[in-house]
Amino acid sequence: MKFACLVYLDGSILAGLPPEEASRLNDACLEFDARHLARGEVTLAYPMQPPGKAVTIRQRDGRLSATDGPFAETKEALAGFFLVDTPTLAEAIAIAGRSPLVAAGGTVEVRPFLPREHS
């Protein structure tokens, strides 16, 4: 089964880290990604730019608009994602729980994909 693991983090957590700790956390995240990519459990992993770099697109009353910034103002913002391919939800949860960002105070939402219909 395929799962999206959406990583949310309060930006103040990273901003409050001393540079050495931030560097260690970044290295731990890269190592986590590399280890699970090598095992074939993770198929893709990317960090995201800060929410201030986002552009939100909407269509209302037939008019398209683009607004700088995220869709919603929250303390925790999408910090990155990784895609997991495991036989069970329990295995996907176990992998997500080992993310260094969870240990740093972040949250990972594990969400299964809908099956694709093939004709």
PDB file of N, CA and C in Angstrom:
ATOM      1  N   MET A   1       0.842  -1.179   0.000  1.00  0.00           N
ATOM      2  CA  MET A   1       0.000   0.000   0.000  1.00  0.00           C
ATOM      3  C   MET A   1       0.884   1.238   0.000  1.00  0.00           C
ATOM      4  N   LYS A   2       0.357   2.284  -0.580  1.00  0.00           N
ATOM      5  CA  LYS A   2       1.100   3.534  -0.637  1.00  0.00           C
ATOM      6  C   LYS A   2       0.470   4.550   0.323  1.00  0.00           C
ATOM      7  N   PHE A   3       1.356   5.263   1.027  1.00  0.00           N
ATOM      8  CA  PHE A   3       0.931   6.245   2.025  1.00  0.00           C
ATOM      9  C   PHE A   3       1.714   7.538   1.832  1.00  0.00           C
ATOM     10  N   ALA A   4       1.022   8.658   1.981  1.00  0.00           N
ATOM     11  CA  ALA A   4       1.687   9.950   2.055  1.00  0.00           C
ATOM     12  C   ALA A   4       1.933  10.240   3.528  1.00  0.00           C
ATOM     13  N   CYS A   5       3.151  10.577   3.863  1.00  0.00           N
ATOM     14  CA  CYS A   5       3.500  10.975   5.220  1.00  0.00           C
ATOM     15  C   CYS A   5       3.803  12.467   5.170  1.00  0.00           C
ATOM     16  N   LEU A   6       2.871  13.251   5.690  1.00  0.00           N
ATOM     17  CA  LEU A   6       2.964  14.707   5.649  1.00  0.00           C
ATOM     18  C   LEU A   6       3.544  15.180   6.973  1.00  0.00           C
ATOM     19  N   VAL A   7       4.664  15.858   6.893  1.00  0.00           N
ATOM     20  CA  VAL A   7       5.403  16.275   8.082  1.00  0.00           C
ATOM     21  C   VAL A   7       5.059  17.729   8.402  1.00  0.00           C
ATOM     22  N   TYR A   8       4.554  17.948   9.603  1.00  0.00           N
ATOM     23  CA  TYR A   8       4.205  19.292  10.059  1.00  0.00           C
ATOM     24  C   TYR A   8       5.130  19.681  11.207  1.00  0.00           C
ATOM     25  N   LEU A   9       5.517  20.948  11.217  1.00  0.00           N
ATOM     26  CA  LEU A   9       6.440  21.413  12.240  1.00  0.00           C
ATOM     27  C   LEU A   9       6.183  22.879  12.544  1.00  0.00           C
ATOM     28  N   ASP A  10       6.243  23.225  13.803  1.00  0.00           N
ATOM     29  CA  ASP A  10       6.166  24.619  14.228  1.00  0.00           C
ATOM     30  C   ASP A  10       7.507  25.254  13.872  1.00  0.00           C
ATOM     31  N   GLY A  11       7.507  26.244  13.007  1.00  0.00           N
ATOM     32  CA  GLY A  11       8.736  26.876  12.547  1.00  0.00           C
ATOM     33  C   GLY A  11       9.590  27.442  13.667  1.00  0.00           C
ATOM     34  N   SER A  12       8.967  27.782  14.787  1.00  0.00           N
ATOM     35  CA  SER A  12       9.744  28.340  15.892  1.00  0.00           C
ATOM     36  C   SER A  12      10.653  27.281  16.519  1.00  0.00           C
ATOM     37  N   ILE A  13      10.297  26.002  16.348  1.00  0.00           N
ATOM     38  CA  ILE A  13      11.162  24.929  16.871  1.00  0.00           C
ATOM     39  C   ILE A  13      12.517  24.977  16.175  1.00  0.00           C
ATOM     40  N   LEU A  14      12.495  25.032  14.849  1.00  0.00           N
ATOM     41  CA  LEU A  14      13.763  25.079  14.100  1.00  0.00           C
ATOM     42  C   LEU A  14      14.487  26.396  14.337  1.00  0.00           C
ATOM     43  N   ALA A  15      13.737  27.480  14.354  1.00  0.00           N
ATOM     44  CA  ALA A  15      14.357  28.791  14.540  1.00  0.00           C
ATOM     45  C   ALA A  15      15.033  28.903  15.901  1.00  0.00           C
ATOM     46  N   GLY A  16      14.524  28.167  16.886  1.00  0.00           N
ATOM     47  CA  GLY A  16      15.080  28.245  18.231  1.00  0.00           C
ATOM     48  C   GLY A  16      16.267  27.331  18.480  1.00  0.00           C
ATOM     49  N   LEU A  17      16.615  26.502  17.499  1.00  0.00           N
ATOM     50  CA  LEU A  17      17.746  25.594  17.677  1.00  0.00           C
ATOM     51  C   LEU A  17      19.069  26.296  17.437  1.00  0.00           C
ATOM     52  N   PRO A  18      20.071  26.010  18.248  1.00  0.00           N
ATOM     53  CA  PRO A  18      21.413  26.501  17.932  1.00  0.00           C
ATOM     54  C   PRO A  18      21.857  25.899  16.593  1.00  0.00           C
ATOM     55  N   PRO A  19      22.709  26.578  15.850  1.00  0.00           N
ATOM     56  CA  PRO A  19      23.120  26.102  14.523  1.00  0.00           C
ATOM     57  C   PRO A  19      23.635  24.662  14.510  1.00  0.00           C
ATOM     58  N   GLU A  20      24.389  24.264  15.553  1.00  0.00           N
ATOM     59  CA  GLU A  20      24.924  22.895  15.577  1.00  0.00           C
ATOM     60  C   GLU A  20      23.795  21.874  15.686  1.00  0.00           C
ATOM     61  N   GLU A  21      22.798  22.171  16.511  1.00  0.00           N
ATOM     62  CA  GLU A  21      21.666  21.253  16.665  1.00  0.00           C
ATOM     63  C   GLU A  21      20.834  21.196  15.392  1.00  0.00           C
ATOM     64  N   ALA A  22      20.630  22.345  14.757  1.00  0.00           N
ATOM     65  CA  ALA A  22      19.878  22.383  13.501  1.00  0.00           C
ATOM     66  C   ALA A  22      20.600  21.557  12.439  1.00  0.00           C
ATOM     67  N   SER A  23      21.915  21.654  12.410  1.00  0.00           N
ATOM     68  CA  SER A  23      22.704  20.880  11.454  1.00  0.00           C
ATOM     69  C   SER A  23      22.597  19.382  11.741  1.00  0.00           C
ATOM     70  N   ARG A  24      22.655  18.998  13.026  1.00  0.00           N
ATOM     71  CA  ARG A  24      22.516  17.579  13.390  1.00  0.00           C
ATOM     72  C   ARG A  24      21.130  17.053  13.015  1.00  0.00           C
ATOM     73  N   LEU A  25      20.093  17.864  13.238  1.00  0.00           N
ATOM     74  CA  LEU A  25      18.738  17.446  12.890  1.00  0.00           C
ATOM     75  C   LEU A  25      18.619  17.275  11.375  1.00  0.00           C
ATOM     76  N   ASN A  26      19.171  18.205  10.624  1.00  0.00           N
ATOM     77  CA  ASN A  26      19.142  18.100   9.165  1.00  0.00           C
ATOM     78  C   ASN A  26      19.865  16.824   8.711  1.00  0.00           C
ATOM     79  N   ASP A  27      21.038  16.561   9.281  1.00  0.00           N
ATOM     80  CA  ASP A  27      21.787  15.346   8.934  1.00  0.00           C
ATOM     81  C   ASP A  27      20.993  14.092   9.280  1.00  0.00           C
ATOM     82  N   ALA A  28      20.323  14.098  10.432  1.00  0.00           N
ATOM     83  CA  ALA A  28      19.517  12.945  10.844  1.00  0.00           C
ATOM     84  C   ALA A  28      18.352  12.724   9.873  1.00  0.00           C
ATOM     85  N   CYS A  29      17.760  13.808   9.399  1.00  0.00           N
ATOM     86  CA  CYS A  29      16.658  13.696   8.435  1.00  0.00           C
ATOM     87  C   CYS A  29      17.158  13.120   7.108  1.00  0.00           C
ATOM     88  N   LEU A  30      18.306  13.596   6.649  1.00  0.00           N
ATOM     89  CA  LEU A  30      18.876  13.081   5.399  1.00  0.00           C
ATOM     90  C   LEU A  30      19.224  11.595   5.531  1.00  0.00           C
ATOM     91  N   GLU A  31      19.756  11.206   6.679  1.00  0.00           N
ATOM     92  CA  GLU A  31      20.101   9.810   6.924  1.00  0.00           C
ATOM     93  C   GLU A  31      18.844   8.940   6.989  1.00  0.00           C
ATOM     94  N   PHE A  32      17.797   9.431   7.651  1.00  0.00           N
ATOM     95  CA  PHE A  32      16.514   8.736   7.712  1.00  0.00           C
ATOM     96  C   PHE A  32      15.987   8.491   6.304  1.00  0.00           C
ATOM     97  N   ASP A  33      15.976   9.543   5.479  1.00  0.00           N
ATOM     98  CA  ASP A  33      15.493   9.410   4.098  1.00  0.00           C
ATOM     99  C   ASP A  33      16.330   8.391   3.327  1.00  0.00           C
ATOM    100  N   ALA A  34      17.646   8.519   3.395  1.00  0.00           N
ATOM    101  CA  ALA A  34      18.532   7.632   2.642  1.00  0.00           C
ATOM    102  C   ALA A  34      18.356   6.170   3.061  1.00  0.00           C
ATOM    103  N   ARG A  35      18.251   5.926   4.357  1.00  0.00           N
ATOM    104  CA  ARG A  35      18.096   4.557   4.856  1.00  0.00           C
ATOM    105  C   ARG A  35      16.815   3.927   4.343  1.00  0.00           C
ATOM    106  N   HIS A  36      15.708   4.658   4.424  1.00  0.00           N
ATOM    107  CA  HIS A  36      14.424   4.096   4.017  1.00  0.00           C
ATOM    108  C   HIS A  36      14.268   4.056   2.499  1.00  0.00           C
ATOM    109  N   LEU A  37      14.909   4.984   1.791  1.00  0.00           N
ATOM    110  CA  LEU A  37      14.930   4.907   0.323  1.00  0.00           C
ATOM    111  C   LEU A  37      15.694   3.660  -0.121  1.00  0.00           C
ATOM    112  N   ALA A  38      16.825   3.388   0.512  1.00  0.00           N
ATOM    113  CA  ALA A  38      17.643   2.226   0.159  1.00  0.00           C
ATOM    114  C   ALA A  38      16.881   0.919   0.413  1.00  0.00           C
ATOM    115  N   ARG A  39      16.049   0.891   1.418  1.00  0.00           N
ATOM    116  CA  ARG A  39      15.258  -0.309   1.736  1.00  0.00           C
ATOM    117  C   ARG A  39      14.027  -0.455   0.836  1.00  0.00           C
ATOM    118  N   GLY A  40      13.709   0.603   0.081  1.00  0.00           N
ATOM    119  CA  GLY A  40      12.525   0.576  -0.767  1.00  0.00           C
ATOM    120  C   GLY A  40      11.232   0.863  -0.028  1.00  0.00           C
ATOM    121  N   GLU A  41      11.326   1.235   1.243  1.00  0.00           N
ATOM    122  CA  GLU A  41      10.128   1.546   2.032  1.00  0.00           C
ATOM    123  C   GLU A  41       9.619   2.950   1.733  1.00  0.00           C
ATOM    124  N   VAL A  42      10.537   3.851   1.443  1.00  0.00           N
ATOM    125  CA  VAL A  42      10.208   5.220   1.064  1.00  0.00           C
ATOM    126  C   VAL A  42      10.569   5.373  -0.406  1.00  0.00           C
ATOM    127  N   THR A  43       9.647   5.927  -1.194  1.00  0.00           N
ATOM    128  CA  THR A  43       9.896   6.065  -2.628  1.00  0.00           C
ATOM    129  C   THR A  43      10.259   7.492  -3.036  1.00  0.00           C
ATOM    130  N   LEU A  44       9.977   8.457  -2.171  1.00  0.00           N
ATOM    131  CA  LEU A  44      10.265   9.855  -2.470  1.00  0.00           C
ATOM    132  C   LEU A  44      10.218  10.629  -1.160  1.00  0.00           C
ATOM    133  N   ALA A  45      11.124  11.575  -0.970  1.00  0.00           N
ATOM    134  CA  ALA A  45      11.132  12.399   0.244  1.00  0.00           C
ATOM    135  C   ALA A  45      11.674  13.779  -0.102  1.00  0.00           C
ATOM    136  N   TYR A  46      10.959  14.814   0.339  1.00  0.00           N
ATOM    137  CA  TYR A  46      11.388  16.184   0.086  1.00  0.00           C
ATOM    138  C   TYR A  46      11.025  17.104   1.235  1.00  0.00           C
ATOM    139  N   PRO A  47      11.945  17.979   1.619  1.00  0.00           N
ATOM    140  CA  PRO A  47      11.586  19.059   2.548  1.00  0.00           C
ATOM    141  C   PRO A  47      10.903  20.174   1.761  1.00  0.00           C
ATOM    142  N   MET A  48      10.172  21.013   2.468  1.00  0.00           N
ATOM    143  CA  MET A  48       9.464  22.125   1.833  1.00  0.00           C
ATOM    144  C   MET A  48      10.111  23.451   2.225  1.00  0.00           C
ATOM    145  N   GLN A  49       9.957  24.447   1.353  1.00  0.00           N
ATOM    146  CA  GLN A  49      10.335  25.816   1.691  1.00  0.00           C
ATOM    147  C   GLN A  49       9.395  26.295   2.800  1.00  0.00           C
ATOM    148  N   PRO A  50       9.769  27.353   3.526  1.00  0.00           N
ATOM    149  CA  PRO A  50       8.891  27.865   4.591  1.00  0.00           C
ATOM    150  C   PRO A  50       7.536  28.327   4.028  1.00  0.00           C
ATOM    151  N   PRO A  51       6.505  28.349   4.883  1.00  0.00           N
ATOM    152  CA  PRO A  51       5.160  28.744   4.430  1.00  0.00           C
ATOM    153  C   PRO A  51       5.112  30.096   3.725  1.00  0.00           C
ATOM    154  N   GLY A  52       5.995  31.000   4.083  1.00  0.00           N
ATOM    155  CA  GLY A  52       6.018  32.308   3.436  1.00  0.00           C
ATOM    156  C   GLY A  52       6.343  32.256   1.952  1.00  0.00           C
ATOM    157  N   LYS A  53       6.869  31.141   1.492  1.00  0.00           N
ATOM    158  CA  LYS A  53       7.187  30.966   0.070  1.00  0.00           C
ATOM    159  C   LYS A  53       6.012  30.377  -0.716  1.00  0.00           C
ATOM    160  N   ALA A  54       4.947  29.990   0.000  1.00  0.00           N
ATOM    161  CA  ALA A  54       3.794  29.350  -0.645  1.00  0.00           C
ATOM    162  C   ALA A  54       2.958  30.360  -1.423  1.00  0.00           C
ATOM    163  N   VAL A  55       2.242  29.861  -2.406  1.00  0.00           N
ATOM    164  CA  VAL A  55       1.222  30.611  -3.128  1.00  0.00           C
ATOM    165  C   VAL A  55      -0.029  29.746  -3.110  1.00  0.00           C
ATOM    166  N   THR A  56      -1.132  30.311  -2.677  1.00  0.00           N
ATOM    167  CA  THR A  56      -2.393  29.587  -2.602  1.00  0.00           C
ATOM    168  C   THR A  56      -3.278  29.994  -3.773  1.00  0.00           C
ATOM    169  N   ILE A  57      -3.774  28.996  -4.504  1.00  0.00           N
ATOM    170  CA  ILE A  57      -4.609  29.231  -5.682  1.00  0.00           C
ATOM    171  C   ILE A  57      -6.047  28.878  -5.331  1.00  0.00           C
ATOM    172  N   ARG A  58      -6.967  29.773  -5.700  1.00  0.00           N
ATOM    173  CA  ARG A  58      -8.390  29.539  -5.453  1.00  0.00           C
ATOM    174  C   ARG A  58      -9.177  29.909  -6.706  1.00  0.00           C
ATOM    175  N   GLN A  59     -10.333  29.275  -6.849  1.00  0.00           N
ATOM    176  CA  GLN A  59     -11.286  29.709  -7.865  1.00  0.00           C
ATOM    177  C   GLN A  59     -12.617  29.915  -7.172  1.00  0.00           C
ATOM    178  N   ARG A  60     -13.120  31.113  -7.245  1.00  0.00           N
ATOM    179  CA  ARG A  60     -14.402  31.464  -6.650  1.00  0.00           C
ATOM    180  C   ARG A  60     -15.201  32.247  -7.690  1.00  0.00           C
ATOM    181  N   ASP A  61     -16.443  31.864  -7.851  1.00  0.00           N
ATOM    182  CA  ASP A  61     -17.330  32.541  -8.813  1.00  0.00           C
ATOM    183  C   ASP A  61     -16.686  32.627 -10.189  1.00  0.00           C
ATOM    184  N   GLY A  62     -15.988  31.572 -10.593  1.00  0.00           N
ATOM    185  CA  GLY A  62     -15.374  31.517 -11.912  1.00  0.00           C
ATOM    186  C   GLY A  62     -14.098  32.327 -12.056  1.00  0.00           C
ATOM    187  N   ARG A  63     -13.628  32.939 -10.977  1.00  0.00           N
ATOM    188  CA  ARG A  63     -12.416  33.763 -11.043  1.00  0.00           C
ATOM    189  C   ARG A  63     -11.292  33.078 -10.286  1.00  0.00           C
ATOM    190  N   LEU A  64     -10.156  32.990 -10.936  1.00  0.00           N
ATOM    191  CA  LEU A  64      -8.974  32.377 -10.342  1.00  0.00           C
ATOM    192  C   LEU A  64      -8.147  33.453  -9.647  1.00  0.00           C
ATOM    193  N   SER A  65      -7.682  33.145  -8.442  1.00  0.00           N
ATOM    194  CA  SER A  65      -6.824  34.097  -7.739  1.00  0.00           C
ATOM    195  C   SER A  65      -5.634  33.363  -7.145  1.00  0.00           C
ATOM    196  N   ALA A  66      -4.547  34.069  -7.015  1.00  0.00           N
ATOM    197  CA  ALA A  66      -3.341  33.551  -6.373  1.00  0.00           C
ATOM    198  C   ALA A  66      -2.993  34.495  -5.237  1.00  0.00           C
ATOM    199  N   THR A  67      -2.797  33.923  -4.050  1.00  0.00           N
ATOM    200  CA  THR A  67      -2.485  34.708  -2.865  1.00  0.00           C
ATOM    201  C   THR A  67      -1.180  34.222  -2.278  1.00  0.00           C
ATOM    202  N   ASP A  68      -0.290  35.144  -1.954  1.00  0.00           N
ATOM    203  CA  ASP A  68       0.961  34.754  -1.306  1.00  0.00           C
ATOM    204  C   ASP A  68       0.661  34.176   0.066  1.00  0.00           C
ATOM    205  N   GLY A  69       1.393  33.132   0.409  1.00  0.00           N
ATOM    206  CA  GLY A  69       1.279  32.540   1.737  1.00  0.00           C
ATOM    207  C   GLY A  69       0.467  31.264   1.732  1.00  0.00           C
ATOM    208  N   PRO A  70       0.447  30.596   2.881  1.00  0.00           N
ATOM    209  CA  PRO A  70      -0.248  29.317   2.995  1.00  0.00           C
ATOM    210  C   PRO A  70      -1.760  29.490   3.020  1.00  0.00           C
ATOM    211  N   PHE A  71      -2.468  28.371   2.852  1.00  0.00           N
ATOM    212  CA  PHE A  71      -3.934  28.366   2.861  1.00  0.00           C
ATOM    213  C   PHE A  71      -4.476  28.804   4.207  1.00  0.00           C
ATOM    214  N   ALA A  72      -3.870  28.320   5.287  1.00  0.00           N
ATOM    215  CA  ALA A  72      -4.363  28.643   6.630  1.00  0.00           C
ATOM    216  C   ALA A  72      -3.201  29.075   7.517  1.00  0.00           C
ATOM    217  N   GLU A  73      -3.468  29.996   8.393  1.00  0.00           N
ATOM    218  CA  GLU A  73      -2.475  30.419   9.374  1.00  0.00           C
ATOM    219  C   GLU A  73      -2.527  29.461  10.554  1.00  0.00           C
ATOM    220  N   THR A  74      -1.455  28.726  10.767  1.00  0.00           N
ATOM    221  CA  THR A  74      -1.381  27.805  11.896  1.00  0.00           C
ATOM    222  C   THR A  74       0.031  27.845  12.450  1.00  0.00           C
ATOM    223  N   LYS A  75       0.203  27.338  13.665  1.00  0.00           N
ATOM    224  CA  LYS A  75       1.551  27.257  14.229  1.00  0.00           C
ATOM    225  C   LYS A  75       2.361  26.196  13.498  1.00  0.00           C
ATOM    226  N   GLU A  76       1.734  25.038  13.258  1.00  0.00           N
ATOM    227  CA  GLU A  76       2.420  23.972  12.540  1.00  0.00           C
ATOM    228  C   GLU A  76       2.119  24.102  11.059  1.00  0.00           C
ATOM    229  N   ALA A  77       3.158  24.051  10.246  1.00  0.00           N
ATOM    230  CA  ALA A  77       3.002  24.143   8.801  1.00  0.00           C
ATOM    231  C   ALA A  77       3.644  22.926   8.149  1.00  0.00           C
ATOM    232  N   LEU A  78       3.237  22.646   6.926  1.00  0.00           N
ATOM    233  CA  LEU A  78       3.811  21.541   6.180  1.00  0.00           C
ATOM    234  C   LEU A  78       5.294  21.809   5.967  1.00  0.00           C
ATOM    235  N   ALA A  79       6.131  20.932   6.499  1.00  0.00           N
ATOM    236  CA  ALA A  79       7.579  21.104   6.425  1.00  0.00           C
ATOM    237  C   ALA A  79       8.205  20.188   5.386  1.00  0.00           C
ATOM    238  N   GLY A  80       7.477  19.147   4.990  1.00  0.00           N
ATOM    239  CA  GLY A  80       7.986  18.206   4.007  1.00  0.00           C
ATOM    240  C   GLY A  80       7.077  17.004   3.921  1.00  0.00           C
ATOM    241  N   PHE A  81       7.480  16.052   3.099  1.00  0.00           N
ATOM    242  CA  PHE A  81       6.691  14.842   2.956  1.00  0.00           C
ATOM    243  C   PHE A  81       7.588  13.704   2.522  1.00  0.00           C
ATOM    244  N   PHE A  82       7.113  12.495   2.776  1.00  0.00           N
ATOM    245  CA  PHE A  82       7.743  11.329   2.179  1.00  0.00           C
ATOM    246  C   PHE A  82       6.649  10.335   1.840  1.00  0.00           C
ATOM    247  N   LEU A  83       6.885   9.572   0.780  1.00  0.00           N
ATOM    248  CA  LEU A  83       5.928   8.580   0.320  1.00  0.00           C
ATOM    249  C   LEU A  83       6.423   7.205   0.735  1.00  0.00           C
ATOM    250  N   VAL A  84       5.546   6.452   1.397  1.00  0.00           N
ATOM    251  CA  VAL A  84       5.891   5.139   1.917  1.00  0.00           C
ATOM    252  C   VAL A  84       5.131   4.080   1.124  1.00  0.00           C
ATOM    253  N   ASP A  85       5.803   2.985   0.833  1.00  0.00           N
ATOM    254  CA  ASP A  85       5.176   1.846   0.166  1.00  0.00           C
ATOM    255  C   ASP A  85       5.452   0.620   1.022  1.00  0.00           C
ATOM    256  N   THR A  86       4.473   0.241   1.841  1.00  0.00           N
ATOM    257  CA  THR A  86       4.602  -0.895   2.749  1.00  0.00           C
ATOM    258  C   THR A  86       3.329  -1.735   2.669  1.00  0.00           C
ATOM    259  N   PRO A  87       3.401  -2.989   3.096  1.00  0.00           N
ATOM    260  CA  PRO A  87       2.210  -3.843   3.039  1.00  0.00           C
ATOM    261  C   PRO A  87       1.070  -3.405   3.970  1.00  0.00           C
ATOM    262  N   THR A  88       1.394  -2.727   5.080  1.00  0.00           N
ATOM    263  CA  THR A  88       0.344  -2.394   6.046  1.00  0.00           C
ATOM    264  C   THR A  88       0.467  -0.964   6.562  1.00  0.00           C
ATOM    265  N   LEU A  89      -0.640  -0.463   7.063  1.00  0.00           N
ATOM    266  CA  LEU A  89      -0.663   0.844   7.720  1.00  0.00           C
ATOM    267  C   LEU A  89       0.243   0.830   8.941  1.00  0.00           C
ATOM    268  N   ALA A  90       0.248  -0.272   9.686  1.00  0.00           N
ATOM    269  CA  ALA A  90       1.083  -0.362  10.893  1.00  0.00           C
ATOM    270  C   ALA A  90       2.557  -0.153  10.552  1.00  0.00           C
ATOM    271  N   GLU A  91       3.009  -0.716   9.433  1.00  0.00           N
ATOM    272  CA  GLU A  91       4.414  -0.522   9.036  1.00  0.00           C
ATOM    273  C   GLU A  91       4.679   0.925   8.629  1.00  0.00           C
ATOM    274  N   ALA A  92       3.728   1.547   7.942  1.00  0.00           N
ATOM    275  CA  ALA A  92       3.884   2.957   7.557  1.00  0.00           C
ATOM    276  C   ALA A  92       3.951   3.841   8.797  1.00  0.00           C
ATOM    277  N   ILE A  93       3.116   3.540   9.787  1.00  0.00           N
ATOM    278  CA  ILE A  93       3.118   4.305  11.039  1.00  0.00           C
ATOM    279  C   ILE A  93       4.454   4.131  11.759  1.00  0.00           C
ATOM    280  N   ALA A  94       4.978   2.914  11.769  1.00  0.00           N
ATOM    281  CA  ALA A  94       6.265   2.664  12.435  1.00  0.00           C
ATOM    282  C   ALA A  94       7.385   3.467  11.778  1.00  0.00           C
ATOM    283  N   ILE A  95       7.387   3.518  10.452  1.00  0.00           N
ATOM    284  CA  ILE A  95       8.412   4.291   9.746  1.00  0.00           C
ATOM    285  C   ILE A  95       8.248   5.770  10.070  1.00  0.00           C
ATOM    286  N   ALA A  96       7.029   6.282   9.972  1.00  0.00           N
ATOM    287  CA  ALA A  96       6.776   7.702  10.257  1.00  0.00           C
ATOM    288  C   ALA A  96       7.185   8.056  11.680  1.00  0.00           C
ATOM    289  N   GLY A  97       6.960   7.149  12.608  1.00  0.00           N
ATOM    290  CA  GLY A  97       7.307   7.403  14.001  1.00  0.00           C
ATOM    291  C   GLY A  97       8.794   7.506  14.253  1.00  0.00           C
ATOM    292  N   ARG A  98       9.601   6.990  13.335  1.00  0.00           N
ATOM    293  CA  ARG A  98      11.061   7.077  13.468  1.00  0.00           C
ATOM    294  C   ARG A  98      11.636   8.346  12.843  1.00  0.00           C
ATOM    295  N   SER A  99      10.788   9.175  12.259  1.00  0.00           N
ATOM    296  CA  SER A  99      11.277  10.422  11.663  1.00  0.00           C
ATOM    297  C   SER A  99      11.936  11.290  12.727  1.00  0.00           C
ATOM    298  N   PRO A 100      13.125  11.790  12.457  1.00  0.00           N
ATOM    299  CA  PRO A 100      13.783  12.680  13.427  1.00  0.00           C
ATOM    300  C   PRO A 100      12.957  13.919  13.749  1.00  0.00           C
ATOM    301  N   LEU A 101      12.106  14.338  12.836  1.00  0.00           N
ATOM    302  CA  LEU A 101      11.294  15.528  13.105  1.00  0.00           C
ATOM    303  C   LEU A 101      10.201  15.250  14.124  1.00  0.00           C
ATOM    304  N   VAL A 102       9.750  14.001  14.245  1.00  0.00           N
ATOM    305  CA  VAL A 102       8.792  13.657  15.291  1.00  0.00           C
ATOM    306  C   VAL A 102       9.468  13.827  16.646  1.00  0.00           C
ATOM    307  N   ALA A 103      10.693  13.316  16.759  1.00  0.00           N
ATOM    308  CA  ALA A 103      11.436  13.450  18.018  1.00  0.00           C
ATOM    309  C   ALA A 103      11.728  14.912  18.345  1.00  0.00           C
ATOM    310  N   ALA A 104      11.788  15.769  17.315  1.00  0.00           N
ATOM    311  CA  ALA A 104      12.077  17.188  17.518  1.00  0.00           C
ATOM    312  C   ALA A 104      10.815  17.999  17.819  1.00  0.00           C
ATOM    313  N   GLY A 105       9.664  17.333  17.913  1.00  0.00           N
ATOM    314  CA  GLY A 105       8.428  18.050  18.235  1.00  0.00           C
ATOM    315  C   GLY A 105       7.475  18.207  17.074  1.00  0.00           C
ATOM    316  N   GLY A 106       7.803  17.631  15.936  1.00  0.00           N
ATOM    317  CA  GLY A 106       6.928  17.712  14.772  1.00  0.00           C
ATOM    318  C   GLY A 106       5.841  16.647  14.809  1.00  0.00           C
ATOM    319  N   THR A 107       5.021  16.656  13.786  1.00  0.00           N
ATOM    320  CA  THR A 107       3.907  15.732  13.645  1.00  0.00           C
ATOM    321  C   THR A 107       3.954  15.147  12.236  1.00  0.00           C
ATOM    322  N   VAL A 108       3.678  13.851  12.116  1.00  0.00           N
ATOM    323  CA  VAL A 108       3.567  13.248  10.795  1.00  0.00           C
ATOM    324  C   VAL A 108       2.163  12.683  10.643  1.00  0.00           C
ATOM    325  N   GLU A 109       1.478  13.141   9.615  1.00  0.00           N
ATOM    326  CA  GLU A 109       0.161  12.605   9.261  1.00  0.00           C
ATOM    327  C   GLU A 109       0.384  11.510   8.225  1.00  0.00           C
ATOM    328  N   VAL A 110      -0.054  10.295   8.527  1.00  0.00           N
ATOM    329  CA  VAL A 110       0.069   9.171   7.608  1.00  0.00           C
ATOM    330  C   VAL A 110      -1.291   8.972   6.950  1.00  0.00           C
ATOM    331  N   ARG A 111      -1.321   9.141   5.622  1.00  0.00           N
ATOM    332  CA  ARG A 111      -2.602   9.064   4.924  1.00  0.00           C
ATOM    333  C   ARG A 111      -2.491   8.125   3.719  1.00  0.00           C
ATOM    334  N   PRO A 112      -3.354   7.091   3.674  1.00  0.00           N
ATOM    335  CA  PRO A 112      -3.305   6.179   2.531  1.00  0.00           C
ATOM    336  C   PRO A 112      -3.853   6.849   1.274  1.00  0.00           C
ATOM    337  N   PHE A 113      -3.305   6.440   0.152  1.00  0.00           N
ATOM    338  CA  PHE A 113      -3.817   6.909  -1.134  1.00  0.00           C
ATOM    339  C   PHE A 113      -5.052   6.105  -1.510  1.00  0.00           C
ATOM    340  N   LEU A 114      -5.940   6.716  -2.255  1.00  0.00           N
ATOM    341  CA  LEU A 114      -7.058   5.979  -2.822  1.00  0.00           C
ATOM    342  C   LEU A 114      -6.515   5.083  -3.930  1.00  0.00           C
ATOM    343  N   PRO A 115      -7.106   3.924  -4.124  1.00  0.00           N
ATOM    344  CA  PRO A 115      -6.645   3.092  -5.238  1.00  0.00           C
ATOM    345  C   PRO A 115      -6.995   3.762  -6.563  1.00  0.00           C
ATOM    346  N   ARG A 116      -6.126   3.596  -7.536  1.00  0.00           N
ATOM    347  CA  ARG A 116      -6.376   4.152  -8.865  1.00  0.00           C
ATOM    348  C   ARG A 116      -7.135   3.123  -9.663  1.00  0.00           C
ATOM    349  N   GLU A 117      -8.150   3.578 -10.340  1.00  0.00           N
ATOM    350  CA  GLU A 117      -8.944   2.696 -11.199  1.00  0.00           C
ATOM    351  C   GLU A 117      -8.251   2.583 -12.557  1.00  0.00           C
ATOM    352  N   HIS A 118      -8.085   1.376 -13.013  1.00  0.00           N
ATOM    353  CA  HIS A 118      -7.476   1.147 -14.333  1.00  0.00           C
ATOM    354  C   HIS A 118      -8.531   0.566 -15.258  1.00  0.00           C
ATOM    355  N   SER A 119      -8.551   1.072 -16.480  1.00  0.00           N
ATOM    356  CA  SER A 119      -9.540   0.552 -17.427  1.00  0.00           C
ATOM    357  C   SER A 119      -8.923  -0.452 -18.361  1.00  0.00           C
TER     358      SER A 119
END
